[in-house]
Protein backbone atom coordinates (compact mmCIF):
# COMPACT_ATOMS: atom_id res chain seq x y z
CA MET A 1 0.00 0.00 0.00
CA VAL A 2 1.34 3.42 -0.91
CA PHE A 3 0.47 6.45 1.19
CA GLU A 4 0.57 9.87 -0.37
CA SER A 5 1.67 12.96 1.48
CA ASN A 6 -1.17 14.50 3.47
CA GLU A 7 -2.44 18.07 3.14
CA ASN A 8 0.01 19.30 5.77
CA GLY A 9 2.92 17.43 4.20
CA ASN A 10 4.19 16.35 7.63
CA LEU A 11 4.55 12.63 6.87
CA ASP A 12 8.09 11.83 5.84
CA ARG A 13 9.24 8.62 4.19
CA TYR A 14 9.80 6.91 7.57
CA ASP A 15 6.28 7.75 8.77
CA ARG A 16 4.74 6.50 5.53
CA ARG A 17 6.77 3.28 5.70
CA ILE A 18 5.73 2.71 9.33
CA LEU A 19 2.08 3.11 8.34
CA GLU A 20 2.45 0.75 5.37
CA ILE A 21 4.07 -1.96 7.49
CA LEU A 22 1.63 -1.63 10.40
CA ALA A 23 -1.35 -1.70 8.02
CA GLU A 24 -0.18 -5.17 6.98
CA ASN A 25 0.89 -6.42 10.42
CA GLY A 26 -0.18 -4.37 13.43
CA ARG A 27 1.31 -6.92 15.83
CA LEU A 28 4.85 -6.60 14.51
CA PRO A 29 7.26 -6.08 17.42
CA ILE A 30 8.76 -2.59 17.51
CA THR A 31 12.28 -3.98 17.05
CA ASP A 32 11.26 -5.72 13.80
CA LEU A 33 9.38 -2.63 12.65
CA ALA A 34 12.43 -0.46 13.33
CA LYS A 35 14.64 -2.80 11.27
CA GLN A 36 12.26 -2.79 8.33
CA VAL A 37 11.94 1.00 8.42
CA GLY A 38 15.67 1.60 8.86
CA LEU A 39 15.57 3.28 12.26
CA SER A 40 16.72 2.27 15.72
CA LYS A 41 14.11 1.13 18.24
CA SER A 42 13.67 4.36 20.25
CA PRO A 43 13.09 6.76 17.33
CA CYS A 44 10.72 4.22 15.78
CA GLN A 45 8.74 4.01 19.05
CA VAL A 46 8.54 7.81 19.22
CA ARG A 47 7.23 7.97 15.66
CA VAL A 48 4.60 5.26 16.25
CA LYS A 49 3.43 7.07 19.39
CA ARG A 50 3.24 10.39 17.51
CA LEU A 51 1.33 8.78 14.64
CA GLN A 52 -1.17 7.44 17.19
CA GLU A 53 -1.49 10.79 18.99
CA GLU A 54 -1.98 12.64 15.68
CA GLY A 55 -4.72 10.21 14.66
CA TYR A 56 -3.00 8.47 11.74
CA ILE A 57 -3.16 5.19 13.67
CA LEU A 58 -6.64 4.76 15.10
CA GLY A 59 -5.96 1.45 16.83
CA PHE A 60 -4.92 -2.14 16.39
CA ARG A 61 -7.29 -5.05 15.91
CA ALA A 62 -7.45 -8.66 14.92
CA VAL A 63 -8.56 -9.41 11.37
CA LEU A 64 -11.05 -12.26 11.63
CA ASP A 65 -11.92 -14.90 9.03
CA PRO A 66 -15.64 -14.43 8.33
CA ALA A 67 -15.97 -17.88 6.71
CA LYS A 68 -14.65 -19.63 9.82
CA LEU A 69 -17.16 -17.61 11.86
CA GLY A 70 -20.01 -18.67 9.60
CA LEU A 71 -20.44 -15.18 8.16
CA ASP A 72 -19.38 -15.57 4.56
CA HIS A 73 -22.53 -14.22 2.86
CA VAL A 74 -22.00 -10.63 1.70
CA ALA A 75 -24.61 -8.38 0.16
CA PHE A 76 -24.40 -4.76 -0.85
CA VAL A 77 -27.54 -2.68 -0.43
CA GLU A 78 -28.36 0.58 -2.11
CA ALA A 79 -30.66 2.52 0.18
CA LYS A 80 -32.68 5.50 -1.00
CA LEU A 81 -34.14 7.72 1.70
CA SER A 82 -37.49 9.49 1.63
CA ASP A 83 -35.96 12.52 3.35
CA THR A 84 -32.40 13.78 2.95
CA ARG A 85 -32.48 16.81 5.19
CA GLU A 86 -29.68 16.91 7.74
CA ALA A 87 -31.84 15.74 10.66
CA ALA A 88 -33.02 12.70 8.67
CA LEU A 89 -29.47 11.82 7.62
CA THR A 90 -28.30 12.08 11.23
CA THR A 91 -31.12 9.84 12.44
CA PHE A 92 -30.35 7.26 9.75
CA ASN A 93 -26.60 7.38 10.49
CA GLU A 94 -27.16 6.82 14.20
CA ALA A 95 -29.57 3.92 13.62
CA VAL A 96 -27.11 2.13 11.33
CA HIS A 97 -24.67 1.75 14.23
CA ALA A 98 -27.17 -0.43 16.10
CA ILE A 99 -27.23 -3.13 13.41
CA PRO A 100 -24.21 -5.43 13.77
CA GLU A 101 -24.75 -7.08 10.38
CA ILE A 102 -23.99 -3.75 8.67
CA GLU A 103 -20.24 -3.99 8.23
CA GLN A 104 -19.89 -0.72 6.31
CA CYS A 105 -22.14 2.22 5.47
CA HIS A 106 -21.22 4.93 2.99
CA MET A 107 -23.17 8.04 2.02
CA ILE A 108 -23.14 8.17 -1.79
CA ALA A 109 -23.41 11.00 -4.30
CA GLY A 110 -25.57 9.42 -6.98
CA SER A 111 -28.98 7.95 -7.73
CA PHE A 112 -29.28 6.49 -4.22
CA ASP A 113 -28.23 7.83 -0.82
CA TYR A 114 -26.32 5.06 0.99
CA LEU A 115 -24.39 1.92 0.15
CA LEU A 116 -24.37 -0.70 2.90
CA LYS A 117 -22.19 -3.79 3.14
CA ILE A 118 -24.10 -6.51 4.98
CA ARG A 119 -22.48 -9.70 6.30
CA THR A 120 -24.62 -12.67 7.37
CA ALA A 121 -24.46 -16.46 7.53
CA ASP A 122 -26.57 -17.10 4.44
CA ILE A 123 -29.28 -15.68 2.17
CA GLN A 124 -32.04 -16.56 4.64
CA ALA A 125 -30.31 -14.62 7.41
CA TYR A 126 -29.77 -11.74 4.99
CA ARG A 127 -33.46 -11.73 4.08
CA ARG A 128 -34.38 -11.44 7.78
CA VAL A 129 -31.90 -8.60 8.30
CA LEU A 130 -33.23 -6.78 5.25
CA GLY A 131 -36.88 -7.17 6.24
CA GLU A 132 -36.59 -6.66 9.98
CA LYS A 133 -33.72 -4.20 10.30
CA ILE A 134 -32.59 -2.42 7.13
CA SER A 135 -36.06 -1.76 5.71
CA THR A 136 -37.15 -0.36 9.06
CA LEU A 137 -34.25 2.10 9.35
CA PRO A 138 -35.48 5.71 9.61
CA HIS A 139 -36.48 7.30 6.29
CA VAL A 140 -35.68 4.28 4.09
CA ALA A 141 -37.91 4.55 1.03
CA ASN A 142 -36.52 1.63 -0.98
CA THR A 143 -33.54 -0.68 -1.28
CA SER A 144 -31.78 -2.70 -3.96
CA THR A 145 -29.61 -5.70 -3.12
CA PHE A 146 -26.51 -6.99 -4.87
CA VAL A 147 -25.13 -10.30 -3.61
CA SER A 148 -21.38 -10.78 -3.72
CA MET A 149 -20.32 -14.01 -5.39
CA GLU A 150 -16.64 -13.69 -4.47
CA ALA A 151 -14.39 -11.17 -2.75
CA VAL A 152 -11.57 -10.56 -5.20
CA LYS A 153 -9.77 -8.02 -3.00
CA GLU A 154 -10.38 -6.81 0.52
CA SER A 155 -8.03 -4.83 2.71
CA ALA A 156 -8.20 -3.13 6.06
CA LEU A 157 -7.39 0.24 4.54
């Protein structure tokens, strides 16, 4: 993964390399990270801490295998709202957080308002989530579903 310079231009090549490496392996020991970046341990630790404090690194987490967890059915849902005033958008956005099957939610500029990534065990579970949860979200006027047949590329960033 290649990171471009940000608007402030305050990421140097070491910072960008640290971010690239940690995006692939967040559990890498600091000594190994320092070697790969070309710094000694202490300056590398200082940089990682600064990148966390400045919000470039939001946290570290385990990447789980959805298939092993029985959650390998993925559907994308286009949701069109009946009301797109700010209060309605805020209400919808807040309600989305309460539905664990919604893995991602993006506001879209286009012929619909939101694109949702839904992860469930199978099509029957998806149908229940759609009927009981997604369709009842505030201001949802209609939805269109696209079922993923295969994930060709997925990454954490």
